[in-house]
Amino acid sequence: PNVMDLQKIFAEMLAKNVDYVVMEVSSHAIAENRIAGIEFNAAVFTNL
């Protein structure tokens, strides 16, 4: 999702006591910085 929807989602998850967030990260999202403000503890690469 875009940065507005995504940060709102994270806030909702935190309010519901989520421990882990597992998320697919598209190349579009990286290029458009939709993932701004997120600290990734781990990153996974499948294939290209």
ModelCIF file with pLDDT and N, C-alpha, C, O atoms, coordinates in Angstrom:
data_MODEL
#
_entry.id   MODEL 
#
_entity.id                         1 
_entity.type                       polymer 
_entity.pdbx_number_of_molecules   1 
#
_entity_poly.entity_id                      1 
_entity_poly.type                           'polypeptide(L)' 
_entity_poly.nstd_linkage                   no 
_entity_poly.nstd_monomer                   no 
_entity_poly.pdbx_seq_one_letter_code       PNVMDLQKIFAEMLAKNVDYVVMEVSSHAIAENRIAGIEFNAAVFTNL 
_entity_poly.pdbx_seq_one_letter_code_can   PNVMDLQKIFAEMLAKNVDYVVMEVSSHAIAENRIAGIEFNAAVFTNL 
_entity_poly.pdbx_strand_id                 A 
#
loop_
_entity_poly_seq.entity_id 
_entity_poly_seq.num 
_entity_poly_seq.mon_id 
_entity_poly_seq.hetero 
1 1  PRO n 
1 2  ASN n 
1 3  VAL n 
1 4  MET n 
1 5  ASP n 
1 6  LEU n 
1 7  GLN n 
1 8  LYS n 
1 9  ILE n 
1 10 PHE n 
1 11 ALA n 
1 12 GLU n 
1 13 MET n 
1 14 LEU n 
1 15 ALA n 
1 16 LYS n 
1 17 ASN n 
1 18 VAL n 
1 19 ASP n 
1 20 TYR n 
1 21 VAL n 
1 22 VAL n 
1 23 MET n 
1 24 GLU n 
1 25 VAL n 
1 26 SER n 
1 27 SER n 
1 28 HIS n 
1 29 ALA n 
1 30 ILE n 
1 31 ALA n 
1 32 GLU n 
1 33 ASN n 
1 34 ARG n 
1 35 ILE n 
1 36 ALA n 
1 37 GLY n 
1 38 ILE n 
1 39 GLU n 
1 40 PHE n 
1 41 ASN n 
1 42 ALA n 
1 43 ALA n 
1 44 VAL n 
1 45 PHE n 
1 46 THR n 
1 47 ASN n 
1 48 LEU n 
#
_struct_asym.id          A 
_struct_asym.entity_id   1 
#
loop_
_ma_qa_metric.id 
_ma_qa_metric.mode 
_ma_qa_metric.name 
_ma_qa_metric.software_group_id 
_ma_qa_metric.type 
1 global pLDDT . pLDDT 
2 local  pLDDT . pLDDT 
#
_ma_qa_metric_global.metric_id      1 
_ma_qa_metric_global.metric_value   94.31 
_ma_qa_metric_global.model_id       1 
_ma_qa_metric_global.ordinal_id     1 
#
loop_
_ma_qa_metric_local.label_asym_id 
_ma_qa_metric_local.label_comp_id 
_ma_qa_metric_local.label_seq_id 
_ma_qa_metric_local.metric_id 
_ma_qa_metric_local.metric_value 
_ma_qa_metric_local.model_id 
_ma_qa_metric_local.ordinal_id 
A PRO 1  2 82.00 1 1  
A ASN 2  2 88.00 1 2  
A VAL 3  2 93.00 1 3  
A MET 4  2 93.00 1 4  
A ASP 5  2 91.00 1 5  
A LEU 6  2 93.00 1 6  
A GLN 7  2 95.00 1 7  
A LYS 8  2 94.00 1 8  
A ILE 9  2 94.00 1 9  
A PHE 10 2 96.00 1 10 
A ALA 11 2 96.00 1 11 
A GLU 12 2 96.00 1 12 
A MET 13 2 97.00 1 13 
A LEU 14 2 97.00 1 14 
A ALA 15 2 97.00 1 15 
A LYS 16 2 97.00 1 16 
A ASN 17 2 97.00 1 17 
A VAL 18 2 98.00 1 18 
A ASP 19 2 98.00 1 19 
A TYR 20 2 98.00 1 20 
A VAL 21 2 98.00 1 21 
A VAL 22 2 98.00 1 22 
A MET 23 2 96.00 1 23 
A GLU 24 2 95.00 1 24 
A VAL 25 2 94.00 1 25 
A SER 26 2 90.00 1 26 
A SER 27 2 89.00 1 27 
A HIS 28 2 89.00 1 28 
A ALA 29 2 90.00 1 29 
A ILE 30 2 93.00 1 30 
A ALA 31 2 91.00 1 31 
A GLU 32 2 89.00 1 32 
A ASN 33 2 90.00 1 33 
A ARG 34 2 91.00 1 34 
A ILE 35 2 94.00 1 35 
A ALA 36 2 93.00 1 36 
A GLY 37 2 94.00 1 37 
A ILE 38 2 96.00 1 38 
A GLU 39 2 95.00 1 39 
A PHE 40 2 97.00 1 40 
A ASN 41 2 98.00 1 41 
A ALA 42 2 98.00 1 42 
A ALA 43 2 98.00 1 43 
A VAL 44 2 98.00 1 44 
A PHE 45 2 97.00 1 45 
A THR 46 2 97.00 1 46 
A ASN 47 2 96.00 1 47 
A LEU 48 2 93.00 1 48 
#
loop_
_atom_site.group_PDB 
_atom_site.id 
_atom_site.type_symbol 
_atom_site.label_atom_id 
_atom_site.label_alt_id 
_atom_site.label_comp_id 
_atom_site.label_asym_id 
_atom_site.label_entity_id 
_atom_site.label_seq_id 
_atom_site.pdbx_PDB_ins_code 
_atom_site.Cartn_x 
_atom_site.Cartn_y 
_atom_site.Cartn_z 
_atom_site.occupancy 
_atom_site.B_iso_or_equiv 
_atom_site.pdbx_formal_charge 
_atom_site.auth_seq_id 
_atom_site.auth_comp_id 
_atom_site.auth_asym_id 
_atom_site.auth_atom_id 
_atom_site.pdbx_PDB_model_num 
ATOM 1   N N  . PRO A 1 1  ? 0.821  -1.215  0.000   1.00 82.00 ? 1  PRO A N  1 
ATOM 2   C CA . PRO A 1 1  ? 0.000  0.000   0.000   1.00 82.00 ? 1  PRO A CA 1 
ATOM 3   C C  . PRO A 1 1  ? 0.854  1.264   0.000   1.00 82.00 ? 1  PRO A C  1 
ATOM 4   O O  . PRO A 1 1  ? 2.055  1.205   0.264   1.00 82.00 ? 1  PRO A O  1 
ATOM 5   N N  . ASN A 1 2  ? 0.225  2.430   -0.302  1.00 88.00 ? 2  ASN A N  1 
ATOM 6   C CA . ASN A 1 2  ? 0.978  3.679   -0.257  1.00 88.00 ? 2  ASN A CA 1 
ATOM 7   C C  . ASN A 1 2  ? 1.360  4.002   1.185   1.00 88.00 ? 2  ASN A C  1 
ATOM 8   O O  . ASN A 1 2  ? 0.876  3.368   2.123   1.00 88.00 ? 2  ASN A O  1 
ATOM 9   N N  . VAL A 1 3  ? 2.231  4.993   1.348   1.00 93.00 ? 3  VAL A N  1 
ATOM 10  C CA . VAL A 1 3  ? 2.802  5.279   2.665   1.00 93.00 ? 3  VAL A CA 1 
ATOM 11  C C  . VAL A 1 3  ? 1.733  5.651   3.689   1.00 93.00 ? 3  VAL A C  1 
ATOM 12  O O  . VAL A 1 3  ? 1.883  5.335   4.870   1.00 93.00 ? 3  VAL A O  1 
ATOM 13  N N  . MET A 1 4  ? 0.651  6.319   3.260   1.00 93.00 ? 4  MET A N  1 
ATOM 14  C CA . MET A 1 4  ? -0.412 6.704   4.189   1.00 93.00 ? 4  MET A CA 1 
ATOM 15  C C  . MET A 1 4  ? -1.169 5.487   4.701   1.00 93.00 ? 4  MET A C  1 
ATOM 16  O O  . MET A 1 4  ? -1.367 5.324   5.905   1.00 93.00 ? 4  MET A O  1 
ATOM 17  N N  . ASP A 1 5  ? -1.593 4.631   3.764   1.00 91.00 ? 5  ASP A N  1 
ATOM 18  C CA . ASP A 1 5  ? -2.327 3.433   4.162   1.00 91.00 ? 5  ASP A CA 1 
ATOM 19  C C  . ASP A 1 5  ? -1.438 2.474   4.948   1.00 91.00 ? 5  ASP A C  1 
ATOM 20  O O  . ASP A 1 5  ? -1.880 1.851   5.914   1.00 91.00 ? 5  ASP A O  1 
ATOM 21  N N  . LEU A 1 6  ? -0.178 2.364   4.523   1.00 93.00 ? 6  LEU A N  1 
ATOM 22  C CA . LEU A 1 6  ? 0.715  1.415   5.161   1.00 93.00 ? 6  LEU A CA 1 
ATOM 23  C C  . LEU A 1 6  ? 1.020  1.793   6.608   1.00 93.00 ? 6  LEU A C  1 
ATOM 24  O O  . LEU A 1 6  ? 1.005  0.934   7.490   1.00 93.00 ? 6  LEU A O  1 
ATOM 25  N N  . GLN A 1 7  ? 1.295  3.065   6.856   1.00 95.00 ? 7  GLN A N  1 
ATOM 26  C CA . GLN A 1 7  ? 1.583  3.491   8.230   1.00 95.00 ? 7  GLN A CA 1 
ATOM 27  C C  . GLN A 1 7  ? 0.342  3.345   9.127   1.00 95.00 ? 7  GLN A C  1 
ATOM 28  O O  . GLN A 1 7  ? 0.453  3.016   10.308  1.00 95.00 ? 7  GLN A O  1 
ATOM 29  N N  . LYS A 1 8  ? -0.820 3.591   8.551   1.00 94.00 ? 8  LYS A N  1 
ATOM 30  C CA . LYS A 1 8  ? -2.060 3.406   9.313   1.00 94.00 ? 8  LYS A CA 1 
ATOM 31  C C  . LYS A 1 8  ? -2.251 1.927   9.666   1.00 94.00 ? 8  LYS A C  1 
ATOM 32  O O  . LYS A 1 8  ? -2.679 1.592   10.771  1.00 94.00 ? 8  LYS A O  1 
ATOM 33  N N  . ILE A 1 9  ? -1.926 1.047   8.710   1.00 94.00 ? 9  ILE A N  1 
ATOM 34  C CA . ILE A 1 9  ? -2.015 -0.393  8.950   1.00 94.00 ? 9  ILE A CA 1 
ATOM 35  C C  . ILE A 1 9  ? -1.074 -0.805  10.078  1.00 94.00 ? 9  ILE A C  1 
ATOM 36  O O  . ILE A 1 9  ? -1.456 -1.560  10.971  1.00 94.00 ? 9  ILE A O  1 
ATOM 37  N N  . PHE A 1 10 ? 0.154  -0.304  10.031  1.00 96.00 ? 10 PHE A N  1 
ATOM 38  C CA . PHE A 1 10 ? 1.125  -0.635  11.079  1.00 96.00 ? 10 PHE A CA 1 
ATOM 39  C C  . PHE A 1 10 ? 0.638  -0.149  12.440  1.00 96.00 ? 10 PHE A C  1 
ATOM 40  O O  . PHE A 1 10 ? 0.795  -0.842  13.445  1.00 96.00 ? 10 PHE A O  1 
ATOM 41  N N  . ALA A 1 11 ? 0.047  1.041   12.469  1.00 96.00 ? 11 ALA A N  1 
ATOM 42  C CA . ALA A 1 11 ? -0.470 1.571   13.733  1.00 96.00 ? 11 ALA A CA 1 
ATOM 43  C C  . ALA A 1 11 ? -1.587 0.685   14.276  1.00 96.00 ? 11 ALA A C  1 
ATOM 44  O O  . ALA A 1 11 ? -1.665 0.445   15.480  1.00 96.00 ? 11 ALA A O  1 
ATOM 45  N N  . GLU A 1 12 ? -2.457 0.196   13.379  1.00 96.00 ? 12 GLU A N  1 
ATOM 46  C CA . GLU A 1 12 ? -3.543 -0.693  13.795  1.00 96.00 ? 12 GLU A CA 1 
ATOM 47  C C  . GLU A 1 12 ? -2.987 -2.016  14.312  1.00 96.00 ? 12 GLU A C  1 
ATOM 48  O O  . GLU A 1 12 ? -3.478 -2.559  15.303  1.00 96.00 ? 12 GLU A O  1 
ATOM 49  N N  . MET A 1 13 ? -1.956 -2.532  13.632  1.00 97.00 ? 13 MET A N  1 
ATOM 50  C CA . MET A 1 13 ? -1.337 -3.788  14.075  1.00 97.00 ? 13 MET A CA 1 
ATOM 51  C C  . MET A 1 13 ? -0.707 -3.634  15.452  1.00 97.00 ? 13 MET A C  1 
ATOM 52  O O  . MET A 1 13 ? -0.833 -4.512  16.306  1.00 97.00 ? 13 MET A O  1 
ATOM 53  N N  . LEU A 1 14 ? -0.032 -2.518  15.658  1.00 97.00 ? 14 LEU A N  1 
ATOM 54  C CA . LEU A 1 14 ? 0.590  -2.270  16.960  1.00 97.00 ? 14 LEU A CA 1 
ATOM 55  C C  . LEU A 1 14 ? -0.467 -2.177  18.053  1.00 97.00 ? 14 LEU A C  1 
ATOM 56  O O  . LEU A 1 14 ? -0.281 -2.705  19.150  1.00 97.00 ? 14 LEU A O  1 
ATOM 57  N N  . ALA A 1 15 ? -1.572 -1.507  17.753  1.00 97.00 ? 15 ALA A N  1 
ATOM 58  C CA . ALA A 1 15 ? -2.652 -1.357  18.738  1.00 97.00 ? 15 ALA A CA 1 
ATOM 59  C C  . ALA A 1 15 ? -3.268 -2.710  19.092  1.00 97.00 ? 15 ALA A C  1 
ATOM 60  O O  . ALA A 1 15 ? -3.828 -2.877  20.176  1.00 97.00 ? 15 ALA A O  1 
ATOM 61  N N  . LYS A 1 16 ? -3.164 -3.684  18.166  1.00 97.00 ? 16 LYS A N  1 
ATOM 62  C CA . LYS A 1 16 ? -3.722 -5.016  18.403  1.00 97.00 ? 16 LYS A CA 1 
ATOM 63  C C  . LYS A 1 16 ? -2.643 -6.005  18.859  1.00 97.00 ? 16 LYS A C  1 
ATOM 64  O O  . LYS A 1 16 ? -2.817 -7.220  18.772  1.00 97.00 ? 16 LYS A O  1 
ATOM 65  N N  . ASN A 1 17 ? -1.533 -5.458  19.345  1.00 97.00 ? 17 ASN A N  1 
ATOM 66  C CA . ASN A 1 17 ? -0.483 -6.256  19.993  1.00 97.00 ? 17 ASN A CA 1 
ATOM 67  C C  . ASN A 1 17 ? 0.195  -7.271  19.071  1.00 97.00 ? 17 ASN A C  1 
ATOM 68  O O  . ASN A 1 17 ? 0.528  -8.379  19.491  1.00 97.00 ? 17 ASN A O  1 
ATOM 69  N N  . VAL A 1 18 ? 0.392  -6.881  17.815  1.00 98.00 ? 18 VAL A N  1 
ATOM 70  C CA . VAL A 1 18 ? 1.122  -7.729  16.877  1.00 98.00 ? 18 VAL A CA 1 
ATOM 71  C C  . VAL A 1 18 ? 2.612  -7.717  17.235  1.00 98.00 ? 18 VAL A C  1 
ATOM 72  O O  . VAL A 1 18 ? 3.178  -6.669  17.548  1.00 98.00 ? 18 VAL A O  1 
ATOM 73  N N  . ASP A 1 19 ? 3.233  -8.893  17.186  1.00 98.00 ? 19 ASP A N  1 
ATOM 74  C CA . ASP A 1 19 ? 4.663  -9.023  17.472  1.00 98.00 ? 19 ASP A CA 1 
ATOM 75  C C  . ASP A 1 19 ? 5.509  -8.901  16.206  1.00 98.00 ? 19 ASP A C  1 
ATOM 76  O O  . ASP A 1 19 ? 6.546  -8.238  16.194  1.00 98.00 ? 19 ASP A O  1 
ATOM 77  N N  . TYR A 1 20 ? 5.043  -9.553  15.145  1.00 98.00 ? 20 TYR A N  1 
ATOM 78  C CA . TYR A 1 20 ? 5.769  -9.582  13.881  1.00 98.00 ? 20 TYR A CA 1 
ATOM 79  C C  . TYR A 1 20 ? 4.866  -9.113  12.743  1.00 98.00 ? 20 TYR A C  1 
ATOM 80  O O  . TYR A 1 20 ? 3.666  -9.386  12.732  1.00 98.00 ? 20 TYR A O  1 
ATOM 81  N N  . VAL A 1 21 ? 5.461  -8.407  11.792  1.00 98.00 ? 21 VAL A N  1 
ATOM 82  C CA . VAL A 1 21 ? 4.776  -8.091  10.545  1.00 98.00 ? 21 VAL A CA 1 
ATOM 83  C C  . VAL A 1 21 ? 5.575  -8.716  9.405   1.00 98.00 ? 21 VAL A C  1 
ATOM 84  O O  . VAL A 1 21 ? 6.760  -8.429  9.231   1.00 98.00 ? 21 VAL A O  1 
ATOM 85  N N  . VAL A 1 22 ? 4.911  -9.572  8.634   1.00 98.00 ? 22 VAL A N  1 
ATOM 86  C CA . VAL A 1 22 ? 5.519  -10.191 7.459   1.00 98.00 ? 22 VAL A CA 1 
ATOM 87  C C  . VAL A 1 22 ? 4.880  -9.542  6.245   1.00 98.00 ? 22 VAL A C  1 
ATOM 88  O O  . VAL A 1 22 ? 3.661  -9.592  6.084   1.00 98.00 ? 22 VAL A O  1 
ATOM 89  N N  . MET A 1 23 ? 5.687  -8.937  5.393   1.00 96.00 ? 23 MET A N  1 
ATOM 90  C CA . MET A 1 23 ? 5.094  -8.194  4.277   1.00 96.00 ? 23 MET A CA 1 
ATOM 91  C C  . MET A 1 23 ? 5.832  -8.414  2.964   1.00 96.00 ? 23 MET A C  1 
ATOM 92  O O  . MET A 1 23 ? 7.060  -8.487  2.919   1.00 96.00 ? 23 MET A O  1 
ATOM 93  N N  . GLU A 1 24 ? 5.046  -8.517  1.899   1.00 95.00 ? 24 GLU A N  1 
ATOM 94  C CA . GLU A 1 24 ? 5.595  -8.522  0.555   1.00 95.00 ? 24 GLU A CA 1 
ATOM 95  C C  . GLU A 1 24 ? 5.955  -7.086  0.193   1.00 95.00 ? 24 GLU A C  1 
ATOM 96  O O  . GLU A 1 24 ? 5.185  -6.158  0.442   1.00 95.00 ? 24 GLU A O  1 
ATOM 97  N N  . VAL A 1 25 ? 7.127  -6.916  -0.393  1.00 94.00 ? 25 VAL A N  1 
ATOM 98  C CA . VAL A 1 25 ? 7.594  -5.585  -0.762  1.00 94.00 ? 25 VAL A CA 1 
ATOM 99  C C  . VAL A 1 25 ? 7.860  -5.564  -2.261  1.00 94.00 ? 25 VAL A C  1 
ATOM 100 O O  . VAL A 1 25 ? 8.803  -6.194  -2.738  1.00 94.00 ? 25 VAL A O  1 
ATOM 101 N N  . SER A 1 26 ? 7.034  -4.844  -2.995  1.00 90.00 ? 26 SER A N  1 
ATOM 102 C CA . SER A 1 26 ? 7.183  -4.781  -4.446  1.00 90.00 ? 26 SER A CA 1 
ATOM 103 C C  . SER A 1 26 ? 8.274  -3.797  -4.840  1.00 90.00 ? 26 SER A C  1 
ATOM 104 O O  . SER A 1 26 ? 8.643  -2.919  -4.060  1.00 90.00 ? 26 SER A O  1 
ATOM 105 N N  . SER A 1 27 ? 8.781  -3.951  -6.044  1.00 89.00 ? 27 SER A N  1 
ATOM 106 C CA . SER A 1 27 ? 9.794  -3.020  -6.551  1.00 89.00 ? 27 SER A CA 1 
ATOM 107 C C  . SER A 1 27 ? 9.207  -1.627  -6.722  1.00 89.00 ? 27 SER A C  1 
ATOM 108 O O  . SER A 1 27 ? 9.907  -0.633  -6.530  1.00 89.00 ? 27 SER A O  1 
ATOM 109 N N  . HIS A 1 28 ? 7.919  -1.541  -7.084  1.00 89.00 ? 28 HIS A N  1 
ATOM 110 C CA . HIS A 1 28 ? 7.262  -0.239  -7.199  1.00 89.00 ? 28 HIS A CA 1 
ATOM 111 C C  . HIS A 1 28 ? 7.262  0.476   -5.850  1.00 89.00 ? 28 HIS A C  1 
ATOM 112 O O  . HIS A 1 28 ? 7.515  1.678   -5.776  1.00 89.00 ? 28 HIS A O  1 
ATOM 113 N N  . ALA A 1 29 ? 6.979  -0.265  -4.794  1.00 90.00 ? 29 ALA A N  1 
ATOM 114 C CA . ALA A 1 29 ? 6.916  0.327   -3.455  1.00 90.00 ? 29 ALA A CA 1 
ATOM 115 C C  . ALA A 1 29 ? 8.276  0.850   -3.012  1.00 90.00 ? 29 ALA A C  1 
ATOM 116 O O  . ALA A 1 29 ? 8.368  1.883   -2.349  1.00 90.00 ? 29 ALA A O  1 
ATOM 117 N N  . ILE A 1 30 ? 9.332  0.129   -3.381  1.00 93.00 ? 30 ILE A N  1 
ATOM 118 C CA . ILE A 1 30 ? 10.677 0.574   -3.033  1.00 93.00 ? 30 ILE A CA 1 
ATOM 119 C C  . ILE A 1 30 ? 11.019 1.832   -3.823  1.00 93.00 ? 30 ILE A C  1 
ATOM 120 O O  . ILE A 1 30 ? 11.518 2.808   -3.262  1.00 93.00 ? 30 ILE A O  1 
ATOM 121 N N  . ALA A 1 31 ? 10.748 1.806   -5.129  1.00 91.00 ? 31 ALA A N  1 
ATOM 122 C CA . ALA A 1 31 ? 11.078 2.944   -5.985  1.00 91.00 ? 31 ALA A CA 1 
ATOM 123 C C  . ALA A 1 31 ? 10.318 4.199   -5.579  1.00 91.00 ? 31 ALA A C  1 
ATOM 124 O O  . ALA A 1 31 ? 10.856 5.305   -5.644  1.00 91.00 ? 31 ALA A O  1 
ATOM 125 N N  . GLU A 1 32 ? 9.064  4.028   -5.160  1.00 89.00 ? 32 GLU A N  1 
ATOM 126 C CA . GLU A 1 32 ? 8.214  5.170   -4.810  1.00 89.00 ? 32 GLU A CA 1 
ATOM 127 C C  . GLU A 1 32 ? 8.259  5.501   -3.319  1.00 89.00 ? 32 GLU A C  1 
ATOM 128 O O  . GLU A 1 32 ? 7.526  6.367   -2.841  1.00 89.00 ? 32 GLU A O  1 
ATOM 129 N N  . ASN A 1 33 ? 9.127  4.801   -2.594  1.00 90.00 ? 33 ASN A N  1 
ATOM 130 C CA . ASN A 1 33 ? 9.331  5.040   -1.158  1.00 90.00 ? 33 ASN A CA 1 
ATOM 131 C C  . ASN A 1 33 ? 8.041  4.921   -0.347  1.00 90.00 ? 33 ASN A C  1 
ATOM 132 O O  . ASN A 1 33 ? 7.826  5.674   0.603   1.00 90.00 ? 33 ASN A O  1 
ATOM 133 N N  . ARG A 1 34 ? 7.185  3.970   -0.729  1.00 91.00 ? 34 ARG A N  1 
ATOM 134 C CA . ARG A 1 34 ? 5.987  3.711   0.063   1.00 91.00 ? 34 ARG A CA 1 
ATOM 135 C C  . ARG A 1 34 ? 6.352  3.093   1.419   1.00 91.00 ? 34 ARG A C  1 
ATOM 136 O O  . ARG A 1 34 ? 5.558  3.121   2.360   1.00 91.00 ? 34 ARG A O  1 
ATOM 137 N N  . ILE A 1 35 ? 7.564  2.536   1.503   1.00 94.00 ? 35 ILE A N  1 
ATOM 138 C CA . ILE A 1 35 ? 7.991  1.871   2.737   1.00 94.00 ? 35 ILE A CA 1 
ATOM 139 C C  . ILE A 1 35 ? 8.772  2.817   3.654   1.00 94.00 ? 35 ILE A C  1 
ATOM 140 O O  . ILE A 1 35 ? 9.465  2.370   4.568   1.00 94.00 ? 35 ILE A O  1 
ATOM 141 N N  . ALA A 1 36 ? 8.657  4.116   3.409   1.00 93.00 ? 36 ALA A N  1 
ATOM 142 C CA . ALA A 1 36 ? 9.332  5.108   4.252   1.00 93.00 ? 36 ALA A CA 1 
ATOM 143 C C  . ALA A 1 36 ? 8.912  4.950   5.706   1.00 93.00 ? 36 ALA A C  1 
ATOM 144 O O  . ALA A 1 36 ? 7.740  4.709   5.998   1.00 93.00 ? 36 ALA A O  1 
ATOM 145 N N  . GLY A 1 37 ? 9.868  5.086   6.615   1.00 94.00 ? 37 GLY A N  1 
ATOM 146 C CA . GLY A 1 37 ? 9.571  5.022   8.041   1.00 94.00 ? 37 GLY A CA 1 
ATOM 147 C C  . GLY A 1 37 ? 9.520  3.632   8.610   1.00 94.00 ? 37 GLY A C  1 
ATOM 148 O O  . GLY A 1 37 ? 9.240  3.467   9.797   1.00 94.00 ? 37 GLY A O  1 
ATOM 149 N N  . ILE A 1 38 ? 9.787  2.604   7.786   1.00 96.00 ? 38 ILE A N  1 
ATOM 150 C CA . ILE A 1 38 ? 9.748  1.223   8.266   1.00 96.00 ? 38 ILE A CA 1 
ATOM 151 C C  . ILE A 1 38 ? 11.172 0.722   8.467   1.00 96.00 ? 38 ILE A C  1 
ATOM 152 O O  . ILE A 1 38 ? 12.010 0.830   7.571   1.00 96.00 ? 38 ILE A O  1 
ATOM 153 N N  . GLU A 1 39 ? 11.437 0.176   9.639   1.00 95.00 ? 39 GLU A N  1 
ATOM 154 C CA . GLU A 1 39 ? 12.712 -0.469  9.901   1.00 95.00 ? 39 GLU A CA 1 
ATOM 155 C C  . GLU A 1 39 ? 12.536 -1.966  9.699   1.00 95.00 ? 39 GLU A C  1 
ATOM 156 O O  . GLU A 1 39 ? 11.806 -2.621  10.443  1.00 95.00 ? 39 GLU A O  1 
ATOM 157 N N  . PHE A 1 40 ? 13.212 -2.502  8.687   1.00 97.00 ? 40 PHE A N  1 
ATOM 158 C CA . PHE A 1 40 ? 13.114 -3.925  8.398   1.00 97.00 ? 40 PHE A CA 1 
ATOM 159 C C  . PHE A 1 40 ? 14.167 -4.676  9.205   1.00 97.00 ? 40 PHE A C  1 
ATOM 160 O O  . PHE A 1 40 ? 15.365 -4.434  9.057   1.00 97.00 ? 40 PHE A O  1 
ATOM 161 N N  . ASN A 1 41 ? 13.717 -5.574  10.047  1.00 98.00 ? 41 ASN A N  1 
ATOM 162 C CA . ASN A 1 41 ? 14.652 -6.396  10.800  1.00 98.00 ? 41 ASN A CA 1 
ATOM 163 C C  . ASN A 1 41 ? 15.298 -7.439  9.897   1.00 98.00 ? 41 ASN A C  1 
ATOM 164 O O  . ASN A 1 41 ? 16.455 -7.814  10.087  1.00 98.00 ? 41 ASN A O  1 
ATOM 165 N N  . ALA A 1 42 ? 14.532 -7.901  8.910   1.00 98.00 ? 42 ALA A N  1 
ATOM 166 C CA . ALA A 1 42 ? 15.064 -8.898  7.981   1.00 98.00 ? 42 ALA A CA 1 
ATOM 167 C C  . ALA A 1 42 ? 14.490 -8.653  6.593   1.00 98.00 ? 42 ALA A C  1 
ATOM 168 O O  . ALA A 1 42 ? 13.379 -8.145  6.441   1.00 98.00 ? 42 ALA A O  1 
ATOM 169 N N  . ALA A 1 43 ? 15.281 -9.030  5.573   1.00 98.00 ? 43 ALA A N  1 
ATOM 170 C CA . ALA A 1 43 ? 14.830 -8.941  4.184   1.00 98.00 ? 43 ALA A CA 1 
ATOM 171 C C  . ALA A 1 43 ? 15.083 -10.273 3.505   1.00 98.00 ? 43 ALA A C  1 
ATOM 172 O O  . ALA A 1 43 ? 16.115 -10.905 3.728   1.00 98.00 ? 43 ALA A O  1 
ATOM 173 N N  . VAL A 1 44 ? 14.126 -10.706 2.664   1.00 98.00 ? 44 VAL A N  1 
ATOM 174 C CA . VAL A 1 44 ? 14.209 -11.995 1.985   1.00 98.00 ? 44 VAL A CA 1 
ATOM 175 C C  . VAL A 1 44 ? 14.171 -11.770 0.477   1.00 98.00 ? 44 VAL A C  1 
ATOM 176 O O  . VAL A 1 44 ? 13.342 -11.006 -0.018  1.00 98.00 ? 44 VAL A O  1 
ATOM 177 N N  . PHE A 1 45 ? 15.068 -12.437 -0.255  1.00 97.00 ? 45 PHE A N  1 
ATOM 178 C CA . PHE A 1 45 ? 15.064 -12.397 -1.721  1.00 97.00 ? 45 PHE A CA 1 
ATOM 179 C C  . PHE A 1 45 ? 14.719 -13.772 -2.255  1.00 97.00 ? 45 PHE A C  1 
ATOM 180 O O  . PHE A 1 45 ? 15.384 -14.755 -1.928  1.00 97.00 ? 45 PHE A O  1 
ATOM 181 N N  . THR A 1 46 ? 13.668 -13.846 -3.085  1.00 97.00 ? 46 THR A N  1 
ATOM 182 C CA . THR A 1 46 ? 13.239 -15.121 -3.650  1.00 97.00 ? 46 THR A CA 1 
ATOM 183 C C  . THR A 1 46 ? 13.921 -15.394 -4.991  1.00 97.00 ? 46 THR A C  1 
ATOM 184 O O  . THR A 1 46 ? 14.632 -16.390 -5.128  1.00 97.00 ? 46 THR A O  1 
ATOM 185 N N  . ASN A 1 47 ? 13.716 -14.532 -5.971  1.00 96.00 ? 47 ASN A N  1 
ATOM 186 C CA . ASN A 1 47 ? 14.285 -14.734 -7.306  1.00 96.00 ? 47 ASN A CA 1 
ATOM 187 C C  . ASN A 1 47 ? 14.019 -13.506 -8.153  1.00 96.00 ? 47 ASN A C  1 
ATOM 188 O O  . ASN A 1 47 ? 13.296 -12.602 -7.734  1.00 96.00 ? 47 ASN A O  1 
ATOM 189 N N  . LEU A 1 48 ? 14.599 -13.470 -9.337  1.00 93.00 ? 48 LEU A N  1 
ATOM 190 C CA . LEU A 1 48 ? 14.382 -12.347 -10.248 1.00 93.00 ? 48 LEU A CA 1 
ATOM 191 C C  . LEU A 1 48 ? 14.220 -12.882 -11.668 1.00 93.00 ? 48 LEU A C  1 
ATOM 192 O O  . LEU A 1 48 ? 14.026 -12.104 -12.602 1.00 93.00 ? 48 LEU A O  1 
#
